[in-house]
Protein backbone atom coordinates (compact mmCIF):
# COMPACT_ATOMS: atom_id res chain seq x y z
CA MET A 1 130.68 111.30 68.73
CA PHE A 2 130.65 114.05 71.17
CA SER A 3 134.24 115.32 70.30
CA ALA A 4 133.45 118.76 69.01
CA LEU A 5 131.17 119.41 72.18
CA ARG A 6 134.07 118.20 74.35
CA LEU A 7 136.18 120.61 72.48
CA LYS A 8 134.04 123.46 73.20
CA LEU A 9 133.78 122.82 76.74
CA HIS A 10 137.46 122.61 76.94
CA GLN A 11 137.82 126.01 75.22
CA THR A 12 135.08 127.56 77.44
CA PHE A 13 136.86 126.71 80.74
CA SER A 14 140.51 127.27 79.27
CA ALA A 15 139.90 130.41 77.28
CA GLN A 16 141.78 128.82 74.60
CA GLU A 17 140.86 128.36 70.85
CA SER A 18 143.35 125.60 70.66
CA TYR A 19 142.86 123.78 73.94
CA ASP A 20 146.08 122.69 75.66
CA PRO A 21 146.35 122.15 79.14
CA VAL A 22 150.17 123.14 79.41
CA TRP A 23 150.06 124.65 82.89
CA GLU A 24 147.68 121.97 84.45
CA ARG A 25 150.30 119.20 83.10
CA ALA A 26 152.99 121.36 84.60
CA LEU A 27 151.45 120.56 88.26
CA ASP A 28 153.49 117.13 88.11
CA ALA A 29 156.40 119.19 89.17
CA GLY A 30 157.26 120.01 92.61
CA ASP A 31 158.97 118.53 95.77
CA ASP A 32 155.77 117.98 98.12
CA ALA A 33 152.28 116.67 98.24
CA GLY A 34 150.75 120.28 98.57
CA TYR A 35 148.39 121.50 101.11
CA PHE A 36 145.53 119.08 100.32
CA ALA A 37 146.29 115.24 100.20
CA HIS A 38 144.91 113.02 97.36
CA ASP A 39 142.34 111.67 99.80
CA SER A 40 141.18 115.07 101.07
CA VAL A 41 137.87 116.41 101.25
CA VAL A 42 138.93 119.24 99.04
CA TRP A 43 139.84 117.03 96.23
CA THR A 44 136.48 115.49 96.74
CA VAL A 45 134.55 118.54 96.36
CA HIS A 46 136.64 120.20 93.95
CA GLY A 47 136.45 117.22 91.47
CA GLY A 48 133.83 116.10 89.48
CA MET A 49 131.31 118.11 87.76
CA SER A 50 129.57 120.10 90.36
CA PRO A 51 132.32 122.82 90.38
CA ILE A 52 130.83 123.94 87.41
CA ALA A 53 127.41 124.83 89.01
CA ALA A 54 129.49 126.24 91.85
CA GLY A 55 131.41 128.82 89.77
CA ILE A 56 127.93 130.30 88.93
CA ARG A 57 126.97 130.18 92.31
CA ALA A 58 129.94 131.68 93.71
CA LEU A 59 129.80 134.51 91.33
CA LEU A 60 126.01 135.36 92.03
CA THR A 61 127.00 135.06 95.90
CA GLN A 62 130.12 137.36 95.75
CA ALA A 63 128.02 139.85 93.89
CA LEU A 64 125.98 140.52 96.89
CA HIS A 65 128.62 142.43 98.59
CA PRO A 66 128.78 146.02 97.31
CA GLY A 67 132.50 146.29 97.84
CA ALA A 68 133.51 142.85 95.94
CA LEU A 69 131.07 143.77 93.38
CA ALA A 70 132.76 147.40 92.78
CA GLY A 71 136.33 145.85 92.37
CA VAL A 72 134.84 143.56 89.69
CA ALA A 73 132.66 146.18 87.91
CA GLU A 74 135.51 149.09 88.13
CA HIS A 75 138.52 147.10 87.38
CA SER A 76 138.05 144.05 85.32
CA ASN A 77 136.91 143.60 81.75
CA TYR A 78 134.61 140.81 82.49
CA GLN A 79 132.04 141.75 79.83
CA VAL A 80 134.54 141.89 77.13
CA ASP A 81 136.35 138.86 77.68
CA PRO A 82 134.65 136.76 80.66
CA LEU A 83 136.25 133.53 79.80
CA ALA A 84 139.90 134.92 80.53
CA ARG A 85 138.80 135.61 83.87
CA LEU A 86 137.00 132.38 84.31
CA ALA A 87 140.04 130.78 83.23
CA GLY A 88 142.24 132.73 85.44
CA THR A 89 140.01 131.87 88.60
CA ILE A 90 140.03 128.15 87.44
CA ARG A 91 143.89 128.30 87.43
CA TRP A 92 144.05 129.41 90.87
CA ILE A 93 141.83 126.89 92.30
CA PHE A 94 143.36 124.03 90.69
CA THR A 95 146.94 124.92 91.50
CA LEU A 96 146.14 125.65 95.17
CA THR A 97 144.07 122.44 95.04
CA TYR A 98 146.61 120.14 93.22
CA GLY A 99 149.71 121.98 93.05
CA ASP A 100 152.63 121.55 95.52
CA THR A 101 153.08 124.21 98.41
CA ALA A 102 155.45 126.27 96.03
CA ALA A 103 153.18 126.38 93.22
CA ALA A 104 149.91 127.04 95.53
CA ASP A 105 151.91 129.90 97.24
CA ALA A 106 152.86 131.58 93.79
CA ALA A 107 149.51 131.38 92.47
CA CYS A 108 147.96 133.10 95.66
CA ASP A 109 150.75 135.90 95.40
CA TRP A 110 149.90 136.12 91.71
CA VAL A 111 146.36 136.83 92.65
CA LYS A 112 147.33 139.20 95.53
CA HIS A 113 149.39 141.20 92.99
CA LEU A 114 146.64 141.56 90.53
CA HIS A 115 144.55 142.72 93.37
CA THR A 116 146.94 145.46 94.49
CA PRO A 117 145.59 148.12 92.00
CA VAL A 118 141.97 147.43 92.64
CA THR A 119 140.98 150.14 95.07
CA GLY A 120 137.96 152.47 95.15
CA ARG A 121 134.87 153.55 96.95
CA TYR A 122 131.33 152.14 97.44
CA VAL A 123 128.19 152.44 98.91
CA SER A 124 127.68 149.92 101.40
CA GLY A 125 124.31 148.01 102.04
CA VAL A 126 123.27 150.51 104.73
CA GLY A 127 124.07 153.60 102.43
CA VAL A 128 127.55 154.38 103.84
CA ARG A 129 130.39 155.45 101.50
CA GLU A 130 133.31 152.93 102.18
CA ASP A 131 136.89 152.63 100.74
CA TYR A 132 137.58 149.23 99.39
CA SER A 133 140.92 147.27 98.41
CA ALA A 134 140.58 144.07 96.85
CA ASN A 135 143.37 142.78 99.25
CA ASP A 136 141.50 144.10 102.29
CA PRO A 137 141.18 141.03 104.87
CA GLY A 138 137.38 141.98 105.07
CA LEU A 139 136.63 141.81 101.33
CA SER A 140 138.93 138.78 101.08
CA ALA A 141 136.92 137.00 103.88
CA TRP A 142 133.82 137.52 101.86
CA VAL A 143 135.05 136.10 98.67
CA HIS A 144 136.35 132.97 100.62
CA ILE A 145 133.30 132.70 102.53
CA ALA A 146 131.26 132.69 99.25
CA PHE A 147 133.54 130.50 97.59
CA ALA A 148 133.54 127.68 100.26
CA ASP A 149 129.81 127.86 100.39
CA ALA A 150 129.17 127.59 96.68
CA PHE A 151 131.60 124.70 96.41
CA LEU A 152 130.20 122.95 99.38
CA ARG A 153 126.36 123.44 98.69
CA SER A 154 126.73 122.56 94.87
CA HIS A 155 128.40 119.30 95.66
CA GLU A 156 125.64 118.57 98.26
CA ILE A 157 122.79 119.53 95.96
CA PHE A 158 124.08 118.09 92.66
CA THR A 159 126.43 115.27 93.70
CA GLY A 160 125.38 114.21 97.12
CA PRO A 161 126.71 114.47 100.81
CA VAL A 162 130.30 115.00 101.13
CA PRO A 163 131.56 111.58 102.35
CA GLN A 164 134.02 113.13 104.75
CA GLY A 165 131.52 115.45 106.09
CA ALA A 166 130.78 119.22 105.47
CA ASP A 167 132.60 120.21 108.53
CA ALA A 168 136.04 118.97 107.14
CA TYR A 169 135.57 120.74 103.71
CA VAL A 170 135.25 124.14 105.49
CA ARG A 171 138.15 123.41 107.88
CA GLU A 172 140.68 122.07 105.04
CA TRP A 173 139.40 125.07 102.86
CA ALA A 174 140.29 127.68 105.62
CA THR A 175 143.90 127.11 104.60
CA ALA A 176 142.97 128.65 101.16
CA GLY A 177 141.49 131.73 103.07
CA GLU A 178 144.57 132.21 105.36
CA LEU A 179 146.90 132.03 102.22
CA MET A 180 144.81 134.85 100.71
CA GLY A 181 144.99 136.90 103.85
CA VAL A 182 141.80 136.23 105.66
CA ALA A 183 142.40 136.30 109.52
CA ASN A 184 140.05 133.94 111.00
CA PRO A 185 138.11 132.07 108.13
CA PRO A 186 135.22 129.62 108.98
CA ARG A 187 136.38 126.09 110.23
CA SER A 188 132.98 124.15 110.33
CA ASP A 189 129.72 124.25 108.33
CA ALA A 190 128.23 125.95 111.52
CA GLU A 191 130.67 128.78 111.25
CA LEU A 192 130.50 128.97 107.61
CA LYS A 193 126.63 129.53 107.81
CA ALA A 194 126.94 131.79 110.93
CA ALA A 195 129.41 134.06 108.85
CA ILE A 196 127.01 134.43 106.26
CA ALA A 197 124.16 135.03 108.37
CA GLY A 198 126.38 137.82 110.06
CA TYR A 199 126.59 139.65 106.64
CA GLU A 200 122.91 139.43 106.14
CA ALA A 201 122.24 140.80 109.78
CA ARG A 202 124.66 143.64 109.49
CA GLY A 203 123.16 144.79 106.28
CA GLU A 204 126.28 144.25 104.31
CA LEU A 205 124.82 142.73 101.29
CA ALA A 206 122.53 144.36 98.88
CA GLY A 207 120.99 144.42 95.51
CA GLY A 208 120.68 147.26 93.03
CA PRO A 209 121.22 148.58 89.69
CA ARG A 210 124.95 147.33 89.75
CA VAL A 211 123.91 143.80 90.83
CA ALA A 212 121.24 143.66 88.21
CA GLU A 213 123.75 144.46 85.49
CA VAL A 214 126.01 141.38 86.59
CA VAL A 215 122.85 139.09 86.77
CA SER A 216 121.94 140.08 83.40
CA PHE A 217 125.25 139.39 82.11
CA LEU A 218 125.48 135.88 83.64
CA LYS A 219 122.04 135.00 82.61
CA ASN A 220 123.36 135.36 79.17
CA PRO A 221 126.98 135.54 78.43
CA PRO A 222 128.53 135.45 75.18
CA LEU A 223 129.13 131.75 75.26
CA ASP A 224 129.55 129.29 72.17
CA PRO A 225 126.10 128.38 70.72
CA ALA A 226 126.82 124.88 71.38
CA VAL A 227 127.53 125.41 75.28
CA LEU A 228 124.85 128.13 75.84
CA PRO A 229 121.66 125.83 76.07
CA GLY A 230 123.32 123.72 78.65
CA TYR A 231 124.69 126.83 80.60
CA ARG A 232 121.15 128.33 80.71
CA LEU A 233 119.49 125.24 82.19
CA LEU A 234 122.50 124.99 84.82
CA PHE A 235 122.13 128.73 85.82
CA ALA A 236 118.32 128.04 86.31
CA ALA A 237 119.17 125.11 88.65
CA VAL A 238 121.62 127.12 90.51
CA VAL A 239 119.16 129.90 90.92
CA ALA A 240 116.66 127.49 92.09
CA THR A 241 118.83 126.27 95.02
CA LEU A 242 120.05 129.53 96.43
CA PRO A 243 118.70 130.94 99.43
CA GLU A 244 115.38 132.93 98.85
CA ASN A 245 116.78 135.90 100.65
CA HIS A 246 119.75 135.85 97.98
CA ARG A 247 117.38 135.37 95.15
CA GLN A 248 115.46 138.50 96.22
CA LEU A 249 118.47 140.69 96.52
CA LEU A 250 119.77 139.39 93.09
CA GLY A 251 116.23 139.84 91.66
CA LEU A 252 116.03 136.39 90.45
CA GLU A 253 113.20 133.87 90.67
CA PRO A 254 113.21 130.11 90.03
CA ALA A 255 112.13 129.21 86.43
CA ALA A 256 108.62 128.13 86.01
CA LEU A 257 106.01 127.44 83.43
CA GLY A 258 103.36 129.88 84.32
CA PRO A 259 102.30 129.34 88.08
CA VAL A 260 104.00 125.89 87.95
CA PRO A 261 107.74 125.72 89.16
CA LEU A 262 110.21 123.87 86.80
CA PRO A 263 112.47 121.11 88.50
CA GLY A 264 115.55 123.05 88.53
CA ARG A 265 117.64 120.85 90.56
CA LEU A 266 116.90 117.86 87.95
CA GLY A 267 117.54 120.15 85.24
CA GLY A 268 121.28 120.87 86.87
CA LYS A 269 122.06 117.51 87.50
CA THR A 270 121.08 116.51 83.90
CA VAL A 271 123.51 118.96 82.56
CA LEU A 272 126.26 117.97 84.63
CA ALA A 273 125.61 114.26 83.88
CA VAL A 274 126.24 115.03 80.25
CA ALA A 275 129.34 117.13 81.11
CA GLY A 276 130.61 114.21 82.88
CA LEU A 277 129.95 111.93 79.87
CA LEU A 278 131.87 114.50 77.76
CA LEU A 279 134.79 115.25 80.01
CA ASP A 280 137.21 113.15 82.06
CA LYS A 281 136.46 112.05 85.27
CA ARG A 282 139.79 113.44 86.56
CA GLY A 283 140.86 116.58 84.91
CA PRO A 284 144.57 117.27 83.84
CA ALA A 285 145.47 119.06 87.04
CA GLU A 286 144.35 116.12 89.05
CA MET A 287 145.95 113.98 87.10
CA ALA A 288 149.27 115.89 86.91
CA ALA A 289 149.05 115.95 90.78
CA ARG A 290 148.79 112.25 90.85
CA ARG A 291 151.92 111.84 88.54
CA ARG A 292 153.75 114.07 91.02
CA LEU A 293 152.46 112.04 94.02
CA TYR A 294 153.50 109.00 92.60
CA ARG A 295 156.83 110.15 91.81
CA LEU A 296 157.19 111.29 95.60
CA GLY A 297 156.11 107.99 96.70
CA VAL A 298 153.07 109.34 98.25
CA LEU A 299 150.47 107.74 96.07
CA ASN A 300 150.80 104.08 95.03
CA ASP A 301 147.50 102.86 92.80
CA LEU A 302 149.02 99.99 91.21
CA SER A 303 147.16 96.61 91.19
CA TYR A 304 150.22 94.50 92.05
CA PRO A 305 152.83 94.59 94.78
CA ALA A 306 156.27 94.56 93.24
CA LEU A 307 157.86 97.13 91.12
CA ALA A 308 160.50 96.86 88.24
CA ILE A 309 159.33 93.23 87.66
CA SER A 310 159.64 93.94 83.93
CA ALA A 311 163.33 94.63 84.31
CA GLY A 312 164.47 91.23 84.18
CA GLY A 313 165.11 88.43 86.53
CA THR A 314 162.82 85.83 87.66
CA ALA A 315 158.86 86.64 87.53
CA PRO A 316 157.34 86.28 90.98
CA ALA A 317 155.23 83.25 91.96
CA GLY A 318 152.07 83.16 90.01
CA TYR A 319 153.14 85.65 87.29
CA LYS A 320 153.86 84.75 83.79
CA SER A 321 156.74 86.31 81.62
CA LEU A 322 156.59 87.32 77.79
CA HIS A 323 159.88 88.28 75.99
CA VAL A 324 159.83 89.69 72.55
CA ARG A 325 162.86 90.85 70.61
CA GLU A 326 162.61 91.68 67.01
CA TYR A 327 164.91 93.40 64.47
CA VAL A 328 163.14 96.28 63.03
CA GLY A 329 165.63 98.59 61.29
CA ASN A 330 169.43 99.96 61.00
CA GLY A 331 171.22 103.11 62.17
CA PRO A 332 170.97 105.94 64.42
CA ALA A 333 167.89 107.51 62.55
CA ALA A 334 166.01 104.44 62.84
CA PHE A 335 166.59 104.14 66.69
CA GLU A 336 165.62 107.79 67.23
CA ALA A 337 162.47 107.43 65.38
CA LEU A 338 161.54 104.19 67.13
CA ALA A 339 162.38 105.58 70.58
CA ALA A 340 160.32 108.82 69.92
CA GLY A 341 157.30 106.79 68.77
CA ILE A 342 157.51 104.65 71.86
CA ALA A 343 157.86 108.08 73.96
CA GLY A 344 154.94 109.39 72.11
CA TRP A 345 152.53 106.51 72.43
CA LYS A 346 152.77 106.09 68.50
CA LEU A 347 153.65 102.23 68.98
CA HIS A 348 150.52 101.58 71.02
CA GLU A 349 148.41 103.56 68.43
CA GLY A 350 150.22 101.99 65.58
CA ALA A 351 149.16 98.52 66.98
CA GLY A 352 145.44 99.44 66.63
CA LEU A 353 144.84 100.64 70.33
CA ASP A 354 142.80 103.45 71.38
CA VAL A 355 145.15 105.54 73.49
CA ARG A 356 143.98 108.18 76.12
CA ALA A 357 147.15 109.46 77.75
CA ASP A 358 147.34 112.27 80.14
CA THR A 359 150.47 113.49 78.83
CA PRO A 360 151.64 113.91 75.13
CA GLU A 361 154.75 111.81 75.97
CA ALA A 362 155.33 109.11 78.38
CA ARG A 363 156.51 110.41 81.85
CA LEU A 364 157.26 108.99 85.28
CA GLY A 365 153.56 108.56 86.62
CA SER A 366 151.76 109.11 83.39
CA HIS A 367 148.45 107.59 83.30
CA VAL A 368 147.36 106.05 80.04
CA ALA A 369 144.06 103.99 79.31
CA LEU A 370 144.38 101.58 76.42
CA GLY A 371 141.25 100.52 74.70
CA ILE A 372 140.62 97.60 72.13
CA GLY A 373 137.40 95.88 70.79
CA LEU A 374 133.79 97.31 70.20
CA GLY A 375 130.89 97.30 72.27
CA PRO A 376 130.49 94.71 75.10
CA ALA A 377 133.89 92.85 73.85
CA ARG A 378 135.78 96.29 74.23
CA ILE A 379 138.48 95.82 76.90
CA THR A 380 139.95 98.91 78.55
CA ALA A 381 143.18 98.52 80.36
CA PRO A 382 144.39 101.61 82.52
CA CYS A 383 148.07 101.82 83.21
CA ARG A 384 150.48 104.20 85.03
CA VAL A 385 154.26 104.64 83.80
CA VAL A 386 156.56 103.34 86.60
CA ARG A 387 159.88 103.26 84.96
CA LEU A 388 161.76 105.42 82.06
CA ILE A 389 164.56 103.95 80.29
CA SER A 390 167.30 106.24 78.76
CA SER A 391 170.57 105.63 77.73
CA ASP A 392 172.53 105.97 74.64
CA THR A 393 171.33 102.52 73.23
CA ARG A 394 168.34 101.92 74.94
CA ARG A 395 165.32 104.28 75.25
CA GLY A 396 161.35 103.61 76.30
CA PHE A 397 159.39 103.12 79.35
CA ALA A 398 157.57 100.38 81.56
CA TYR A 399 154.04 100.83 82.87
CA GLY A 400 152.33 98.90 85.62
CA THR A 401 148.50 97.99 85.77
CA LEU A 402 145.82 99.78 87.65
CA ALA A 403 142.52 98.61 88.97
CA GLY A 404 140.25 97.63 86.06
CA HIS A 405 143.15 96.22 83.77
CA PRO A 406 142.49 92.63 82.83
CA GLU A 407 145.93 91.72 83.72
CA SER A 408 148.01 92.68 86.93
CA GLY A 409 151.64 93.45 86.37
CA GLU A 410 154.07 95.35 84.20
CA GLU A 411 155.15 95.71 80.62
CA SER A 412 158.06 97.53 79.03
CA PHE A 413 158.76 98.83 75.61
CA GLU A 414 162.29 99.67 74.46
CA ALA A 415 164.23 100.78 71.45
CA VAL A 416 167.62 99.06 71.31
CA LEU A 417 170.54 100.19 69.34
CA GLU A 418 173.31 97.51 68.87
CA ASN A 419 177.12 98.18 68.03
CA ASP A 420 176.48 97.14 64.50
CA GLY A 421 173.81 99.65 64.12
CA SER A 422 170.89 97.11 64.15
CA VAL A 423 168.00 98.37 65.85
CA TYR A 424 165.53 95.95 67.93
CA VAL A 425 162.32 96.57 69.59
CA GLU A 426 162.25 94.70 73.02
CA ILE A 427 158.93 94.14 74.85
CA ASN A 428 158.82 92.40 78.26
CA ALA A 429 155.66 91.75 80.20
CA VAL A 430 155.21 89.87 83.60
CA SER A 431 151.75 89.61 84.42
CA ARG A 432 148.92 87.54 86.04
CA HIS A 433 145.24 87.48 85.27
CA GLY A 434 143.52 90.47 87.07
CA ASN A 435 140.30 88.76 88.51
CA ARG A 436 138.64 85.46 88.52
CA PHE A 437 136.55 86.62 85.29
CA TYR A 438 139.80 86.89 83.36
CA ARG A 439 141.14 83.90 84.88
CA LEU A 440 138.20 82.33 83.25
CA VAL A 441 138.74 83.40 79.89
CA GLY A 442 142.50 83.06 79.99
CA PRO A 443 142.83 81.60 76.69
CA PHE A 444 141.23 84.60 75.10
CA THR A 445 143.06 87.20 76.93
CA GLY A 446 146.24 85.36 76.11
CA ALA A 447 145.53 85.28 72.48
CA THR A 448 144.90 89.02 72.58
CA GLN A 449 148.22 89.67 74.28
CA ARG A 450 149.81 87.66 71.52
CA VAL A 451 147.82 89.45 68.78
CA VAL A 452 148.54 93.00 70.28
CA THR A 453 152.24 92.12 70.67
CA GLY A 454 152.62 91.13 66.99
CA ARG A 455 150.99 94.40 66.05
CA TYR A 456 153.56 96.27 68.34
CA VAL A 457 156.18 94.59 66.12
CA ALA A 458 154.70 95.75 62.93
CA ALA A 459 154.14 99.22 64.31
CA ALA A 460 157.74 99.39 65.45
CA ARG A 461 159.16 98.49 61.78
CA ARG A 462 156.81 101.15 60.54
CA LEU A 463 158.17 103.63 63.01
CA ALA A 464 161.97 102.59 62.29
CA GLY A 465 161.36 102.85 58.53
CA SER A 466 161.85 99.27 57.80
CA SER A 467 158.72 98.49 56.14
């Protein structure tokens, strides 16, 4: 129903006509957990929908420093291709937030390399001509401070208080400042507020024609008509929640209907709520990080204690086993076709399931949500790939259940090539009911599993070309 608008949003944030989050999915590579843990406050603040508002607030706040603004105005083509600059900023933020340390370091080095030729002169807020360099620690400090303030305040305003505390976010995100060359970034909310007040007291922030030009552009950027109304409502909400002195320098006023101010914050929450319905709760970058953390043994979110229980042997106490082995075709070509179909989720789609996977093909740690049924009878079953099966004669994977799955356990899907050339599909499941409700409706869920398994076999025959 909303797929077209969802695509427009993806295209906007990625600057891609054919949206494919290749670099985000690649964040599952790496050998460590990164600078920020999966339960860190940085993941909390940078997740969800409030970063959309934070991006607008950060741009407006950063523009108040004449040096930072000069670099953007004189050395970027933001008016010609604003989405490319937005996509580059998002890539840096998400790589630093979710990538391993090597990827994060490389992203920061890439930004500093882009900033190397960004030099010139500007008139300061007190009327003095100054030299600027985008990599100068002083300008980097302002950009970092404006960014931290924008993301923290946007979360507080549009989502709610940070569960771990505002101080924790500022302290954790100080690492980003240090990686970008900031000598002594704020490490508490009080220090962050004091740093901004210092810029204001020293007269280092200013408005003027160049600021007005940027503000005019941000009011009406060349976005897709399907996205623009929501953006304008969100822009008004951000403006309404800016500090009064910043609004004055920017030449902005809260939206009003005559003398009556409009409820900007409510409008912003509405836009972000709609975005939350259209977009995944966790984006591709976070999902990739979770795959990496699972692979490294840092994250285990499975809903059962034992691993590899579908690989054979005796099922643990309280679990039931299901084993299906059916002939589906003959020859290496049939084997390869079935193996590719299993890896690419075609077996599940062919069984009539709605498949929402975070990777085009199954990888270790891949997350997949399987849906069946309609309306109140719809069942959504989230799983994570826990084992890849790869040999000359057996290919496939096993996934384990996550919270919310009606069952608790593992299920494996394999294409098997025998010596005589015959091809089989093998399905092994070891599971128990996920909670009391599903235990009560056990006969129904058992019947559903048998029906779906039968559909898997039929889909395997189609993939192998035998029917």
